[in-house]
Amino acid sequence: MPYCPECGGEMQYMSATKRYVCKSCGLSVTRQELMELRQKLRPSFESGDDERKKRRKEYLKWWLGKKK
C-alpha cells in the first residue's frame, strides 16, 4: 500500500475516480502525480566521494581557466 508524500498516512485507491486518496490528510492524486511528488521529495543520495570529485573538478576547471 502506498504512503502519502505529505503526511506519511496510508493511501487508498479509489477505482471510481482512479485516484489515490490519503486516509489521514485527504490528499487526492493520480498515480502519475503520486510518482512525481515522491521523486520531487526524495533526497539526493550523492555520496561524499561523488561530492569531493565534483568539487575537485570544479576547482581544476577554475585553476586552469583564464587568470588576470
PDB file of N, CA and C in Angstrom:
ATOM      1  N   MET A   1       0.849  -1.178   0.000  1.00  0.00           N
ATOM      2  CA  MET A   1       0.000   0.000   0.000  1.00  0.00           C
ATOM      3  C   MET A   1       0.898   1.246   0.000  1.00  0.00           C
ATOM      4  N   PRO A   2       0.646   2.190  -0.902  1.00  0.00           N
ATOM      5  CA  PRO A   2       1.464   3.414  -0.948  1.00  0.00           C
ATOM      6  C   PRO A   2       1.183   4.322   0.248  1.00  0.00           C
ATOM      7  N   TYR A   3       2.183   5.140   0.545  1.00  0.00           N
ATOM      8  CA  TYR A   3       2.055   6.087   1.639  1.00  0.00           C
ATOM      9  C   TYR A   3       2.026   7.511   1.102  1.00  0.00           C
ATOM     10  N   CYS A   4       1.356   8.382   1.822  1.00  0.00           N
ATOM     11  CA  CYS A   4       1.176   9.775   1.427  1.00  0.00           C
ATOM     12  C   CYS A   4       2.499  10.526   1.484  1.00  0.00           C
ATOM     13  N   PRO A   5       2.855  11.239   0.414  1.00  0.00           N
ATOM     14  CA  PRO A   5       4.087  12.018   0.430  1.00  0.00           C
ATOM     15  C   PRO A   5       3.994  13.258   1.318  1.00  0.00           C
ATOM     16  N   GLU A   6       2.788  13.665   1.676  1.00  0.00           N
ATOM     17  CA  GLU A   6       2.592  14.848   2.518  1.00  0.00           C
ATOM     18  C   GLU A   6       2.682  14.521   4.009  1.00  0.00           C
ATOM     19  N   CYS A   7       1.925  13.508   4.453  1.00  0.00           N
ATOM     20  CA  CYS A   7       1.851  13.238   5.888  1.00  0.00           C
ATOM     21  C   CYS A   7       2.329  11.846   6.284  1.00  0.00           C
ATOM     22  N   GLY A   8       2.551  10.967   5.308  1.00  0.00           N
ATOM     23  CA  GLY A   8       3.004   9.614   5.604  1.00  0.00           C
ATOM     24  C   GLY A   8       1.872   8.635   5.887  1.00  0.00           C
ATOM     25  N   GLY A   9       0.628   9.101   5.773  1.00  0.00           N
ATOM     26  CA  GLY A   9      -0.523   8.230   6.004  1.00  0.00           C
ATOM     27  C   GLY A   9      -0.727   7.247   4.852  1.00  0.00           C
ATOM     28  N   GLU A  10      -1.622   6.302   5.056  1.00  0.00           N
ATOM     29  CA  GLU A  10      -1.907   5.299   4.028  1.00  0.00           C
ATOM     30  C   GLU A  10      -2.755   5.899   2.913  1.00  0.00           C
ATOM     31  N   MET A  11      -2.399   5.555   1.682  1.00  0.00           N
ATOM     32  CA  MET A  11      -3.163   5.998   0.513  1.00  0.00           C
ATOM     33  C   MET A  11      -4.071   4.850   0.082  1.00  0.00           C
ATOM     34  N   GLN A  12      -5.311   5.172  -0.245  1.00  0.00           N
ATOM     35  CA  GLN A  12      -6.266   4.168  -0.704  1.00  0.00           C
ATOM     36  C   GLN A  12      -6.648   4.507  -2.142  1.00  0.00           C
ATOM     37  N   TYR A  13      -6.639   3.490  -3.018  1.00  0.00           N
ATOM     38  CA  TYR A  13      -7.000   3.710  -4.416  1.00  0.00           C
ATOM     39  C   TYR A  13      -8.516   3.687  -4.561  1.00  0.00           C
ATOM     40  N   MET A  14      -9.045   4.730  -5.182  1.00  0.00           N
ATOM     41  CA  MET A  14     -10.484   4.817  -5.428  1.00  0.00           C
ATOM     42  C   MET A  14     -10.717   4.512  -6.911  1.00  0.00           C
ATOM     43  N   SER A  15     -11.222   3.343  -7.210  1.00  0.00           N
ATOM     44  CA  SER A  15     -11.381   2.922  -8.606  1.00  0.00           C
ATOM     45  C   SER A  15     -12.398   3.780  -9.365  1.00  0.00           C
ATOM     46  N   ALA A  16     -13.370   4.341  -8.682  1.00  0.00           N
ATOM     47  CA  ALA A  16     -14.390   5.161  -9.341  1.00  0.00           C
ATOM     48  C   ALA A  16     -13.778   6.435  -9.935  1.00  0.00           C
ATOM     49  N   THR A  17     -12.828   7.031  -9.210  1.00  0.00           N
ATOM     50  CA  THR A  17     -12.210   8.273  -9.669  1.00  0.00           C
ATOM     51  C   THR A  17     -10.799   8.053 -10.226  1.00  0.00           C
ATOM     52  N   LYS A  18     -10.281   6.822 -10.067  1.00  0.00           N
ATOM     53  CA  LYS A  18      -8.922   6.469 -10.497  1.00  0.00           C
ATOM     54  C   LYS A  18      -7.881   7.375  -9.857  1.00  0.00           C
ATOM     55  N   ARG A  19      -8.064   7.620  -8.566  1.00  0.00           N
ATOM     56  CA  ARG A  19      -7.147   8.473  -7.810  1.00  0.00           C
ATOM     57  C   ARG A  19      -6.804   7.793  -6.489  1.00  0.00           C
ATOM     58  N   TYR A  20      -5.650   8.164  -5.949  1.00  0.00           N
ATOM     59  CA  TYR A  20      -5.256   7.715  -4.617  1.00  0.00           C
ATOM     60  C   TYR A  20      -5.642   8.808  -3.639  1.00  0.00           C
ATOM     61  N   VAL A  21      -6.255   8.406  -2.524  1.00  0.00           N
ATOM     62  CA  VAL A  21      -6.690   9.366  -1.504  1.00  0.00           C
ATOM     63  C   VAL A  21      -6.067   8.958  -0.177  1.00  0.00           C
ATOM     64  N   CYS A  22      -5.471   9.937   0.509  1.00  0.00           N
ATOM     65  CA  CYS A  22      -4.856   9.683   1.808  1.00  0.00           C
ATOM     66  C   CYS A  22      -5.940   9.557   2.868  1.00  0.00           C
ATOM     67  N   LYS A  23      -5.821   8.513   3.687  1.00  0.00           N
ATOM     68  CA  LYS A  23      -6.798   8.301   4.752  1.00  0.00           C
ATOM     69  C   LYS A  23      -6.631   9.309   5.885  1.00  0.00           C
ATOM     70  N   SER A  24      -5.437   9.895   6.022  1.00  0.00           N
ATOM     71  CA  SER A  24      -5.186  10.829   7.117  1.00  0.00           C
ATOM     72  C   SER A  24      -5.487  12.280   6.752  1.00  0.00           C
ATOM     73  N   CYS A  25      -4.836  12.773   5.678  1.00  0.00           N
ATOM     74  CA  CYS A  25      -4.966  14.202   5.367  1.00  0.00           C
ATOM     75  C   CYS A  25      -5.910  14.491   4.202  1.00  0.00           C
ATOM     76  N   GLY A  26      -6.322  13.461   3.465  1.00  0.00           N
ATOM     77  CA  GLY A  26      -7.281  13.666   2.387  1.00  0.00           C
ATOM     78  C   GLY A  26      -6.670  14.054   1.048  1.00  0.00           C
ATOM     79  N   LEU A  27      -5.338  14.034   0.928  1.00  0.00           N
ATOM     80  CA  LEU A  27      -4.685  14.356  -0.340  1.00  0.00           C
ATOM     81  C   LEU A  27      -5.185  13.401  -1.417  1.00  0.00           C
ATOM     82  N   SER A  28      -5.560  13.949  -2.563  1.00  0.00           N
ATOM     83  CA  SER A  28      -6.076  13.144  -3.666  1.00  0.00           C
ATOM     84  C   SER A  28      -5.218  13.391  -4.903  1.00  0.00           C
ATOM     85  N   VAL A  29      -4.578  12.324  -5.407  1.00  0.00           N
ATOM     86  CA  VAL A  29      -3.684  12.441  -6.554  1.00  0.00           C
ATOM     87  C   VAL A  29      -3.838  11.244  -7.486  1.00  0.00           C
ATOM     88  N   THR A  30      -3.459  11.465  -8.744  1.00  0.00           N
ATOM     89  CA  THR A  30      -3.430  10.357  -9.700  1.00  0.00           C
ATOM     90  C   THR A  30      -2.144   9.570  -9.465  1.00  0.00           C
ATOM     91  N   ARG A  31      -2.021   8.426 -10.092  1.00  0.00           N
ATOM     92  CA  ARG A  31      -0.815   7.612  -9.953  1.00  0.00           C
ATOM     93  C   ARG A  31       0.417   8.399 -10.425  1.00  0.00           C
ATOM     94  N   GLN A  32       0.285   9.098 -11.558  1.00  0.00           N
ATOM     95  CA  GLN A  32       1.390   9.882 -12.105  1.00  0.00           C
ATOM     96  C   GLN A  32       1.794  11.001 -11.145  1.00  0.00           C
ATOM     97  N   GLU A  33       0.820  11.702 -10.603  1.00  0.00           N
ATOM     98  CA  GLU A  33       1.111  12.786  -9.657  1.00  0.00           C
ATOM     99  C   GLU A  33       1.796  12.248  -8.404  1.00  0.00           C
ATOM    100  N   LEU A  34       1.364  11.062  -7.945  1.00  0.00           N
ATOM    101  CA  LEU A  34       1.963  10.439  -6.771  1.00  0.00           C
ATOM    102  C   LEU A  34       3.439  10.126  -7.028  1.00  0.00           C
ATOM    103  N   MET A  35       3.743   9.575  -8.201  1.00  0.00           N
ATOM    104  CA  MET A  35       5.123   9.257  -8.548  1.00  0.00           C
ATOM    105  C   MET A  35       5.963  10.528  -8.660  1.00  0.00           C
ATOM    106  N   GLU A  36       5.419  11.585  -9.251  1.00  0.00           N
ATOM    107  CA  GLU A  36       6.141  12.852  -9.392  1.00  0.00           C
ATOM    108  C   GLU A  36       6.424  13.488  -8.032  1.00  0.00           C
ATOM    109  N   LEU A  37       5.446  13.444  -7.126  1.00  0.00           N
ATOM    110  CA  LEU A  37       5.638  14.001  -5.783  1.00  0.00           C
ATOM    111  C   LEU A  37       6.736  13.251  -5.036  1.00  0.00           C
ATOM    112  N   ARG A  38       6.725  11.934  -5.136  1.00  0.00           N
ATOM    113  CA  ARG A  38       7.746  11.135  -4.457  1.00  0.00           C
ATOM    114  C   ARG A  38       9.125  11.447  -5.008  1.00  0.00           C
ATOM    115  N   GLN A  39       9.243  11.566  -6.328  1.00  0.00           N
ATOM    116  CA  GLN A  39      10.531  11.864  -6.954  1.00  0.00           C
ATOM    117  C   GLN A  39      11.037  13.238  -6.511  1.00  0.00           C
ATOM    118  N   LYS A  40      10.125  14.203  -6.439  1.00  0.00           N
ATOM    119  CA  LYS A  40      10.473  15.567  -6.052  1.00  0.00           C
ATOM    120  C   LYS A  40      10.929  15.639  -4.594  1.00  0.00           C
ATOM    121  N   LEU A  41      10.285  14.864  -3.723  1.00  0.00           N
ATOM    122  CA  LEU A  41      10.582  14.912  -2.296  1.00  0.00           C
ATOM    123  C   LEU A  41      11.725  13.985  -1.895  1.00  0.00           C
ATOM    124  N   ARG A  42      12.129  13.081  -2.790  1.00  0.00           N
ATOM    125  CA  ARG A  42      13.195  12.135  -2.479  1.00  0.00           C
ATOM    126  C   ARG A  42      14.526  12.880  -2.353  1.00  0.00           C
ATOM    127  N   PRO A  43      15.243  12.650  -1.265  1.00  0.00           N
ATOM    128  CA  PRO A  43      16.526  13.342  -1.104  1.00  0.00           C
ATOM    129  C   PRO A  43      17.566  12.812  -2.082  1.00  0.00           C
ATOM    130  N   SER A  44      18.496  13.661  -2.411  1.00  0.00           N
ATOM    131  CA  SER A  44      19.594  13.283  -3.293  1.00  0.00           C
ATOM    132  C   SER A  44      20.536  12.369  -2.515  1.00  0.00           C
ATOM    133  N   PHE A  45      20.926  11.258  -3.134  1.00  0.00           N
ATOM    134  CA  PHE A  45      21.793  10.296  -2.467  1.00  0.00           C
ATOM    135  C   PHE A  45      23.214  10.363  -3.009  1.00  0.00           C
ATOM    136  N   GLU A  46      23.725  11.566  -3.194  1.00  0.00           N
ATOM    137  CA  GLU A  46      25.080  11.745  -3.662  1.00  0.00           C
ATOM    138  C   GLU A  46      26.030  11.417  -2.523  1.00  0.00           C
ATOM    139  N   SER A  47      26.938  10.499  -2.758  1.00  0.00           N
ATOM    140  CA  SER A  47      27.864  10.102  -1.698  1.00  0.00           C
ATOM    141  C   SER A  47      28.918  11.177  -1.492  1.00  0.00           C
ATOM    142  N   GLY A  48      29.639  11.081  -0.383  1.00  0.00           N
ATOM    143  CA  GLY A  48      30.691  12.035  -0.083  1.00  0.00           C
ATOM    144  C   GLY A  48      31.790  12.010  -1.134  1.00  0.00           C
ATOM    145  N   ASP A  49      32.125  10.817  -1.644  1.00  0.00           N
ATOM    146  CA  ASP A  49      33.158  10.701  -2.681  1.00  0.00           C
ATOM    147  C   ASP A  49      32.742  11.433  -3.947  1.00  0.00           C
ATOM    148  N   ASP A  50      31.491  11.276  -4.341  1.00  0.00           N
ATOM    149  CA  ASP A  50      30.994  11.949  -5.545  1.00  0.00           C
ATOM    150  C   ASP A  50      31.071  13.467  -5.375  1.00  0.00           C
ATOM    151  N   GLU A  51      30.714  13.933  -4.192  1.00  0.00           N
ATOM    152  CA  GLU A  51      30.739  15.374  -3.925  1.00  0.00           C
ATOM    153  C   GLU A  51      32.169  15.906  -3.986  1.00  0.00           C
ATOM    154  N   ARG A  52      33.129  15.163  -3.408  1.00  0.00           N
ATOM    155  CA  ARG A  52      34.533  15.584  -3.437  1.00  0.00           C
ATOM    156  C   ARG A  52      35.065  15.612  -4.871  1.00  0.00           C
ATOM    157  N   LYS A  53      34.740  14.603  -5.649  1.00  0.00           N
ATOM    158  CA  LYS A  53      35.186  14.560  -7.055  1.00  0.00           C
ATOM    159  C   LYS A  53      34.633  15.749  -7.830  1.00  0.00           C
ATOM    160  N   LYS A  54      33.375  16.085  -7.574  1.00  0.00           N
ATOM    161  CA  LYS A  54      32.735  17.211  -8.249  1.00  0.00           C
ATOM    162  C   LYS A  54      33.439  18.518  -7.887  1.00  0.00           C
ATOM    163  N   ARG A  55      33.755  18.697  -6.599  1.00  0.00           N
ATOM    164  CA  ARG A  55      34.451  19.912  -6.159  1.00  0.00           C
ATOM    165  C   ARG A  55      35.848  20.001  -6.763  1.00  0.00           C
ATOM    166  N   ARG A  56      36.569  18.871  -6.791  1.00  0.00           N
ATOM    167  CA  ARG A  56      37.908  18.862  -7.382  1.00  0.00           C
ATOM    168  C   ARG A  56      37.870  19.253  -8.849  1.00  0.00           C
ATOM    169  N   LYS A  57      36.888  18.715  -9.557  1.00  0.00           N
ATOM    170  CA  LYS A  57      36.748  19.004 -10.985  1.00  0.00           C
ATOM    171  C   LYS A  57      36.468  20.496 -11.202  1.00  0.00           C
ATOM    172  N   GLU A  58      35.585  21.062 -10.383  1.00  0.00           N
ATOM    173  CA  GLU A  58      35.270  22.488 -10.491  1.00  0.00           C
ATOM    174  C   GLU A  58      36.498  23.344 -10.170  1.00  0.00           C
ATOM    175  N   TYR A  59      37.260  22.937  -9.142  1.00  0.00           N
ATOM    176  CA  TYR A  59      38.462  23.683  -8.769  1.00  0.00           C
ATOM    177  C   TYR A  59      39.491  23.622  -9.892  1.00  0.00           C
ATOM    178  N   LEU A  60      39.699  22.437 -10.461  1.00  0.00           N
ATOM    179  CA  LEU A  60      40.656  22.287 -11.544  1.00  0.00           C
ATOM    180  C   LEU A  60      40.256  23.131 -12.745  1.00  0.00           C
ATOM    181  N   LYS A  61      38.979  23.142 -13.046  1.00  0.00           N
ATOM    182  CA  LYS A  61      38.483  23.958 -14.157  1.00  0.00           C
ATOM    183  C   LYS A  61      38.764  25.438 -13.889  1.00  0.00           C
ATOM    184  N   TRP A  62      38.533  25.871 -12.645  1.00  0.00           N
ATOM    185  CA  TRP A  62      38.807  27.256 -12.271  1.00  0.00           C
ATOM    186  C   TRP A  62      40.305  27.545 -12.359  1.00  0.00           C
ATOM    187  N   TRP A  63      41.141  26.624 -11.827  1.00  0.00           N
ATOM    188  CA  TRP A  63      42.572  26.820 -11.790  1.00  0.00           C
ATOM    189  C   TRP A  63      43.185  26.912 -13.189  1.00  0.00           C
ATOM    190  N   LEU A  64      42.674  26.098 -14.103  1.00  0.00           N
ATOM    191  CA  LEU A  64      43.210  26.073 -15.450  1.00  0.00           C
ATOM    192  C   LEU A  64      42.606  27.148 -16.338  1.00  0.00           C
ATOM    193  N   GLY A  65      41.582  27.816 -15.844  1.00  0.00           N
ATOM    194  CA  GLY A  65      40.904  28.856 -16.622  1.00  0.00           C
ATOM    195  C   GLY A  65      41.733  30.116 -16.720  1.00  0.00           C
ATOM    196  N   LYS A  66      41.198  31.107 -17.412  1.00  0.00           N
ATOM    197  CA  LYS A  66      41.889  32.396 -17.586  1.00  0.00           C
ATOM    198  C   LYS A  66      42.107  33.068 -16.233  1.00  0.00           C
ATOM    199  N   LYS A  67      43.287  33.600 -16.094  1.00  0.00           N
ATOM    200  CA  LYS A  67      43.601  34.350 -14.871  1.00  0.00           C
ATOM    201  C   LYS A  67      44.068  35.736 -15.292  1.00  0.00           C
ATOM    202  N   LYS A  68      43.665  36.716 -14.548  1.00  0.00           N
ATOM    203  CA  LYS A  68      44.026  38.100 -14.878  1.00  0.00           C
ATOM    204  C   LYS A  68      45.205  38.551 -14.075  1.00  0.00           C
TER     205      LYS A  68
END
